[in-house]
Amino acid sequence: MAANKTALGSDLARMDAHTITPQEYDELPEITDADMQRGTWKIGDKVVSQKQGRAAFGAALKQKINIALDPDVLAWYRAQAGGRGYQTLINATLREAMRGVQLADTVRAVVREELRRTV
């Protein structure tokens, strides 16, 4: 048994070191909608519906919180999103604000460094 594990481990290391070439990509078949429909959603070893699988996948990526928003702010986001998806729109707005702050911090740091060099 130990010999098999050793051989398998060396094969995995060789596989990890391999770089896929463009020709190898060409050999891969296209995944069609029919292929996707034949797929099975599982949570652990339990087969679940597509709806349950998608919900579990989404829950794993996001964290639920409670937040109090002004009614007009919430109404605006709901109107922008057409009713559904307003939380995704709020998340995107918060992400853009976060990136803006990061960008502003980076620009400030660069300007400070340039000012130090000129003084």
N, C-alpha and C. Protein backbone atom coordinates (compact mmCIF):
# COMPACT_ATOMS: atom_id res chain seq x y z
N MET A 1 0.82 -1.20 0.00
CA MET A 1 0.00 0.00 0.00
C MET A 1 0.86 1.26 0.00
N ALA A 2 1.94 1.26 0.81
CA ALA A 2 2.80 2.43 0.88
C ALA A 2 3.47 2.71 -0.45
N ALA A 3 3.81 1.64 -1.20
CA ALA A 3 4.44 1.83 -2.51
C ALA A 3 3.49 2.54 -3.47
N ASN A 4 2.20 2.20 -3.40
CA ASN A 4 1.22 2.84 -4.26
C ASN A 4 1.09 4.32 -3.95
N LYS A 5 1.09 4.67 -2.67
CA LYS A 5 0.99 6.07 -2.28
C LYS A 5 2.20 6.86 -2.77
N THR A 6 3.39 6.26 -2.66
CA THR A 6 4.59 6.93 -3.11
C THR A 6 4.54 7.17 -4.61
N ALA A 7 4.15 6.17 -5.36
CA ALA A 7 4.05 6.32 -6.81
C ALA A 7 3.02 7.37 -7.18
N LEU A 8 1.89 7.37 -6.51
CA LEU A 8 0.84 8.36 -6.77
C LEU A 8 1.34 9.75 -6.45
N GLY A 9 2.03 9.91 -5.33
CA GLY A 9 2.56 11.21 -4.94
C GLY A 9 3.53 11.77 -5.97
N SER A 10 4.42 10.90 -6.51
CA SER A 10 5.37 11.38 -7.51
C SER A 10 4.64 11.79 -8.80
N ASP A 11 3.57 11.05 -9.15
CA ASP A 11 2.79 11.41 -10.33
C ASP A 11 2.10 12.76 -10.13
N LEU A 12 1.59 13.00 -8.93
CA LEU A 12 0.93 14.28 -8.66
C LEU A 12 1.92 15.43 -8.74
N ALA A 13 3.11 15.24 -8.27
CA ALA A 13 4.12 16.30 -8.34
C ALA A 13 4.45 16.60 -9.80
N ARG A 14 4.54 15.56 -10.63
CA ARG A 14 4.81 15.75 -12.05
C ARG A 14 3.65 16.48 -12.71
N MET A 15 2.43 16.11 -12.34
CA MET A 15 1.24 16.77 -12.90
C MET A 15 1.20 18.24 -12.49
N ASP A 16 1.51 18.52 -11.22
CA ASP A 16 1.50 19.91 -10.74
C ASP A 16 2.53 20.75 -11.49
N ALA A 17 3.64 20.15 -11.88
CA ALA A 17 4.70 20.89 -12.57
C ALA A 17 4.37 21.11 -14.05
N HIS A 18 3.41 20.38 -14.59
CA HIS A 18 3.08 20.47 -16.02
C HIS A 18 2.33 21.77 -16.32
N THR A 19 2.73 22.45 -17.38
CA THR A 19 2.04 23.64 -17.87
C THR A 19 1.21 23.24 -19.08
N ILE A 20 -0.07 23.57 -19.06
CA ILE A 20 -0.96 23.21 -20.16
C ILE A 20 -0.66 24.11 -21.36
N THR A 21 -0.50 23.49 -22.50
CA THR A 21 -0.19 24.22 -23.73
C THR A 21 -1.49 24.61 -24.45
N PRO A 22 -1.43 25.58 -25.35
CA PRO A 22 -2.63 25.95 -26.11
C PRO A 22 -3.21 24.77 -26.90
N GLN A 23 -2.35 23.89 -27.39
CA GLN A 23 -2.83 22.73 -28.14
C GLN A 23 -3.67 21.82 -27.23
N GLU A 24 -3.27 21.69 -25.97
CA GLU A 24 -4.04 20.86 -25.04
C GLU A 24 -5.41 21.48 -24.76
N TYR A 25 -5.48 22.80 -24.71
CA TYR A 25 -6.78 23.45 -24.53
C TYR A 25 -7.70 23.15 -25.70
N ASP A 26 -7.13 23.11 -26.91
CA ASP A 26 -7.93 22.82 -28.10
C ASP A 26 -8.53 21.42 -28.06
N GLU A 27 -7.90 20.51 -27.34
CA GLU A 27 -8.38 19.13 -27.26
C GLU A 27 -9.57 18.98 -26.31
N LEU A 28 -9.78 19.96 -25.43
CA LEU A 28 -10.87 19.86 -24.46
C LEU A 28 -12.21 20.10 -25.16
N PRO A 29 -13.20 19.26 -24.87
CA PRO A 29 -14.51 19.48 -25.50
C PRO A 29 -15.22 20.67 -24.88
N GLU A 30 -16.08 21.31 -25.66
CA GLU A 30 -16.90 22.41 -25.16
C GLU A 30 -17.93 21.86 -24.18
N ILE A 31 -18.19 22.60 -23.13
CA ILE A 31 -19.25 22.23 -22.18
C ILE A 31 -20.52 22.91 -22.64
N THR A 32 -21.54 22.13 -22.92
CA THR A 32 -22.79 22.66 -23.44
C THR A 32 -23.79 22.86 -22.30
N ASP A 33 -24.90 23.55 -22.61
CA ASP A 33 -25.97 23.70 -21.63
C ASP A 33 -26.53 22.34 -21.23
N ALA A 34 -26.59 21.43 -22.18
CA ALA A 34 -27.09 20.08 -21.88
C ALA A 34 -26.17 19.38 -20.89
N ASP A 35 -24.85 19.58 -21.04
CA ASP A 35 -23.91 19.01 -20.07
C ASP A 35 -24.16 19.56 -18.68
N MET A 36 -24.39 20.86 -18.62
CA MET A 36 -24.62 21.50 -17.32
C MET A 36 -25.91 21.00 -16.68
N GLN A 37 -26.93 20.75 -17.50
CA GLN A 37 -28.21 20.27 -16.98
C GLN A 37 -28.08 18.86 -16.40
N ARG A 38 -27.14 18.08 -16.94
CA ARG A 38 -26.96 16.71 -16.44
C ARG A 38 -26.19 16.69 -15.12
N GLY A 39 -25.62 17.82 -14.74
CA GLY A 39 -24.86 17.89 -13.50
C GLY A 39 -25.74 17.67 -12.28
N THR A 40 -25.10 17.31 -11.17
CA THR A 40 -25.81 17.05 -9.92
C THR A 40 -25.23 17.95 -8.83
N TRP A 41 -26.11 18.64 -8.14
CA TRP A 41 -25.69 19.46 -7.00
C TRP A 41 -25.61 18.56 -5.77
N LYS A 42 -24.53 18.70 -5.01
CA LYS A 42 -24.38 17.93 -3.78
C LYS A 42 -23.88 18.85 -2.67
N ILE A 43 -24.40 18.61 -1.49
CA ILE A 43 -23.87 19.26 -0.28
C ILE A 43 -23.40 18.11 0.58
N GLY A 44 -22.07 18.02 0.73
CA GLY A 44 -21.52 16.83 1.36
C GLY A 44 -21.78 15.66 0.42
N ASP A 45 -22.38 14.60 0.94
CA ASP A 45 -22.73 13.45 0.10
C ASP A 45 -24.19 13.45 -0.30
N LYS A 46 -24.94 14.47 0.13
CA LYS A 46 -26.38 14.51 -0.12
C LYS A 46 -26.67 15.25 -1.43
N VAL A 47 -27.46 14.60 -2.30
CA VAL A 47 -27.89 15.24 -3.55
C VAL A 47 -29.01 16.22 -3.22
N VAL A 48 -28.88 17.46 -3.73
CA VAL A 48 -29.88 18.49 -3.48
C VAL A 48 -30.33 19.09 -4.81
N SER A 49 -31.40 19.86 -4.77
CA SER A 49 -31.89 20.52 -5.98
C SER A 49 -30.93 21.62 -6.41
N GLN A 50 -31.07 22.05 -7.65
CA GLN A 50 -30.23 23.15 -8.15
C GLN A 50 -30.44 24.40 -7.31
N LYS A 51 -31.68 24.67 -6.94
CA LYS A 51 -31.99 25.86 -6.14
C LYS A 51 -31.27 25.79 -4.79
N GLN A 52 -31.34 24.62 -4.13
CA GLN A 52 -30.66 24.46 -2.84
C GLN A 52 -29.15 24.57 -2.99
N GLY A 53 -28.61 23.99 -4.07
CA GLY A 53 -27.17 24.04 -4.30
C GLY A 53 -26.68 25.46 -4.53
N ARG A 54 -27.42 26.19 -5.37
CA ARG A 54 -27.04 27.58 -5.63
C ARG A 54 -27.12 28.43 -4.35
N ALA A 55 -28.16 28.20 -3.56
CA ALA A 55 -28.32 28.95 -2.31
C ALA A 55 -27.17 28.66 -1.36
N ALA A 56 -26.78 27.39 -1.25
CA ALA A 56 -25.68 27.02 -0.36
C ALA A 56 -24.37 27.60 -0.86
N PHE A 57 -24.15 27.58 -2.18
CA PHE A 57 -22.93 28.13 -2.76
C PHE A 57 -22.85 29.63 -2.51
N GLY A 58 -23.97 30.33 -2.72
CA GLY A 58 -23.99 31.77 -2.50
C GLY A 58 -23.80 32.12 -1.03
N ALA A 59 -24.39 31.31 -0.15
CA ALA A 59 -24.26 31.57 1.29
C ALA A 59 -22.82 31.40 1.74
N ALA A 60 -22.09 30.50 1.09
CA ALA A 60 -20.70 30.29 1.46
C ALA A 60 -19.82 31.47 1.07
N LEU A 61 -20.24 32.23 0.08
CA LEU A 61 -19.44 33.34 -0.41
C LEU A 61 -19.76 34.67 0.26
N LYS A 62 -20.93 34.80 0.79
CA LYS A 62 -21.36 36.07 1.39
C LYS A 62 -21.66 35.87 2.88
N GLN A 63 -21.64 36.96 3.60
CA GLN A 63 -21.94 36.93 5.02
C GLN A 63 -23.19 37.74 5.27
N LYS A 64 -24.15 37.15 5.96
CA LYS A 64 -25.39 37.86 6.25
C LYS A 64 -25.18 38.81 7.43
N ILE A 65 -25.75 40.02 7.30
CA ILE A 65 -25.71 41.00 8.37
C ILE A 65 -27.08 41.68 8.43
N ASN A 66 -27.30 42.41 9.48
CA ASN A 66 -28.47 43.29 9.58
C ASN A 66 -27.95 44.72 9.53
N ILE A 67 -28.59 45.52 8.70
CA ILE A 67 -28.16 46.92 8.55
C ILE A 67 -29.41 47.78 8.46
N ALA A 68 -29.39 48.92 9.11
CA ALA A 68 -30.52 49.85 9.06
C ALA A 68 -30.21 50.93 8.02
N LEU A 69 -31.08 51.02 7.02
CA LEU A 69 -30.93 52.03 5.96
C LEU A 69 -32.12 52.96 5.99
N ASP A 70 -31.89 54.20 5.57
CA ASP A 70 -33.00 55.14 5.46
C ASP A 70 -33.97 54.62 4.40
N PRO A 71 -35.27 54.82 4.62
CA PRO A 71 -36.26 54.31 3.67
C PRO A 71 -36.07 54.80 2.24
N ASP A 72 -35.69 56.07 2.08
CA ASP A 72 -35.49 56.59 0.73
C ASP A 72 -34.29 55.96 0.04
N VAL A 73 -33.24 55.64 0.81
CA VAL A 73 -32.06 54.98 0.24
C VAL A 73 -32.44 53.58 -0.24
N LEU A 74 -33.14 52.86 0.60
CA LEU A 74 -33.58 51.51 0.24
C LEU A 74 -34.51 51.54 -0.97
N ALA A 75 -35.43 52.49 -1.00
CA ALA A 75 -36.36 52.60 -2.13
C ALA A 75 -35.60 52.90 -3.42
N TRP A 76 -34.59 53.75 -3.34
CA TRP A 76 -33.81 54.08 -4.54
C TRP A 76 -33.10 52.86 -5.08
N TYR A 77 -32.44 52.08 -4.21
CA TYR A 77 -31.73 50.87 -4.66
C TYR A 77 -32.71 49.84 -5.23
N ARG A 78 -33.86 49.70 -4.59
CA ARG A 78 -34.85 48.76 -5.13
C ARG A 78 -35.34 49.20 -6.51
N ALA A 79 -35.54 50.49 -6.68
CA ALA A 79 -35.98 51.01 -7.98
C ALA A 79 -34.89 50.81 -9.03
N GLN A 80 -33.65 51.06 -8.67
CA GLN A 80 -32.54 50.88 -9.61
C GLN A 80 -32.40 49.43 -10.05
N ALA A 81 -32.64 48.51 -9.12
CA ALA A 81 -32.47 47.09 -9.41
C ALA A 81 -33.73 46.46 -9.98
N GLY A 82 -34.82 47.19 -10.02
CA GLY A 82 -36.06 46.62 -10.53
C GLY A 82 -36.71 45.67 -9.54
N GLY A 83 -36.47 45.87 -8.27
CA GLY A 83 -37.09 45.04 -7.24
C GLY A 83 -36.18 43.94 -6.73
N ARG A 84 -35.74 43.06 -7.63
CA ARG A 84 -34.84 41.98 -7.23
C ARG A 84 -33.40 42.38 -7.48
N GLY A 85 -32.50 41.93 -6.61
CA GLY A 85 -31.08 42.21 -6.80
C GLY A 85 -30.60 43.51 -6.19
N TYR A 86 -31.45 44.16 -5.41
CA TYR A 86 -31.04 45.44 -4.82
C TYR A 86 -29.90 45.26 -3.82
N GLN A 87 -29.86 44.11 -3.13
CA GLN A 87 -28.78 43.88 -2.18
C GLN A 87 -27.44 43.73 -2.90
N THR A 88 -27.47 43.11 -4.07
CA THR A 88 -26.26 42.99 -4.88
C THR A 88 -25.79 44.37 -5.32
N LEU A 89 -26.73 45.23 -5.66
CA LEU A 89 -26.40 46.59 -6.07
C LEU A 89 -25.80 47.38 -4.90
N ILE A 90 -26.36 47.22 -3.72
CA ILE A 90 -25.80 47.88 -2.52
C ILE A 90 -24.39 47.37 -2.28
N ASN A 91 -24.18 46.06 -2.40
CA ASN A 91 -22.86 45.47 -2.20
C ASN A 91 -21.86 46.04 -3.20
N ALA A 92 -22.27 46.16 -4.46
CA ALA A 92 -21.38 46.71 -5.50
C ALA A 92 -21.01 48.16 -5.20
N THR A 93 -21.99 48.93 -4.71
CA THR A 93 -21.73 50.33 -4.36
C THR A 93 -20.72 50.42 -3.21
N LEU A 94 -20.90 49.57 -2.21
CA LEU A 94 -19.96 49.56 -1.08
C LEU A 94 -18.57 49.13 -1.53
N ARG A 95 -18.51 48.16 -2.43
CA ARG A 95 -17.21 47.70 -2.94
C ARG A 95 -16.50 48.83 -3.70
N GLU A 96 -17.25 49.57 -4.52
CA GLU A 96 -16.66 50.70 -5.26
C GLU A 96 -16.15 51.76 -4.29
N ALA A 97 -16.90 52.03 -3.24
CA ALA A 97 -16.45 53.01 -2.24
C ALA A 97 -15.17 52.53 -1.57
N MET A 98 -15.11 51.25 -1.28
CA MET A 98 -13.93 50.66 -0.65
C MET A 98 -12.72 50.80 -1.58
N ARG A 99 -12.90 50.50 -2.86
CA ARG A 99 -11.81 50.63 -3.83
C ARG A 99 -11.39 52.09 -3.98
N GLY A 100 -12.36 52.98 -3.95
CA GLY A 100 -12.05 54.40 -4.05
C GLY A 100 -11.17 54.87 -2.91
N VAL A 101 -11.46 54.41 -1.71
CA VAL A 101 -10.65 54.77 -0.54
C VAL A 101 -9.25 54.20 -0.70
N GLN A 102 -9.17 52.95 -1.15
CA GLN A 102 -7.86 52.33 -1.35
C GLN A 102 -7.05 53.09 -2.40
N LEU A 103 -7.72 53.48 -3.47
CA LEU A 103 -7.05 54.24 -4.53
C LEU A 103 -6.58 55.59 -4.00
N ALA A 104 -7.45 56.26 -3.25
CA ALA A 104 -7.09 57.57 -2.68
C ALA A 104 -5.89 57.44 -1.74
N ASP A 105 -5.87 56.40 -0.92
CA ASP A 105 -4.73 56.17 -0.02
C ASP A 105 -3.45 55.94 -0.81
N THR A 106 -3.54 55.20 -1.89
CA THR A 106 -2.37 54.92 -2.72
C THR A 106 -1.86 56.20 -3.37
N VAL A 107 -2.77 57.01 -3.91
CA VAL A 107 -2.38 58.27 -4.55
C VAL A 107 -1.73 59.19 -3.53
N ARG A 108 -2.31 59.29 -2.34
CA ARG A 108 -1.71 60.13 -1.29
C ARG A 108 -0.29 59.67 -0.96
N ALA A 109 -0.09 58.35 -0.85
CA ALA A 109 1.23 57.82 -0.52
C ALA A 109 2.24 58.15 -1.61
N VAL A 110 1.83 58.04 -2.87
CA VAL A 110 2.73 58.36 -3.99
C VAL A 110 3.07 59.84 -4.00
N VAL A 111 2.07 60.70 -3.80
CA VAL A 111 2.31 62.14 -3.78
C VAL A 111 3.25 62.51 -2.64
N ARG A 112 3.04 61.94 -1.46
CA ARG A 112 3.93 62.22 -0.32
C ARG A 112 5.36 61.81 -0.63
N GLU A 113 5.52 60.63 -1.23
CA GLU A 113 6.86 60.15 -1.58
C GLU A 113 7.52 61.08 -2.58
N GLU A 114 6.78 61.53 -3.58
CA GLU A 114 7.33 62.46 -4.57
C GLU A 114 7.69 63.80 -3.94
N LEU A 115 6.87 64.29 -3.00
CA LEU A 115 7.18 65.54 -2.32
C LEU A 115 8.44 65.40 -1.48
N ARG A 116 8.64 64.26 -0.85
CA ARG A 116 9.84 64.04 -0.05
C ARG A 116 11.08 64.07 -0.94
N ARG A 117 10.97 63.53 -2.14
CA ARG A 117 12.11 63.49 -3.05
C ARG A 117 12.50 64.88 -3.54
N THR A 118 11.53 65.77 -3.67
CA THR A 118 11.82 67.10 -4.20
C THR A 118 12.32 68.05 -3.13
N VAL A 119 12.09 67.74 -1.88
CA VAL A 119 12.49 68.65 -0.81
C VAL A 119 13.92 68.45 -0.40
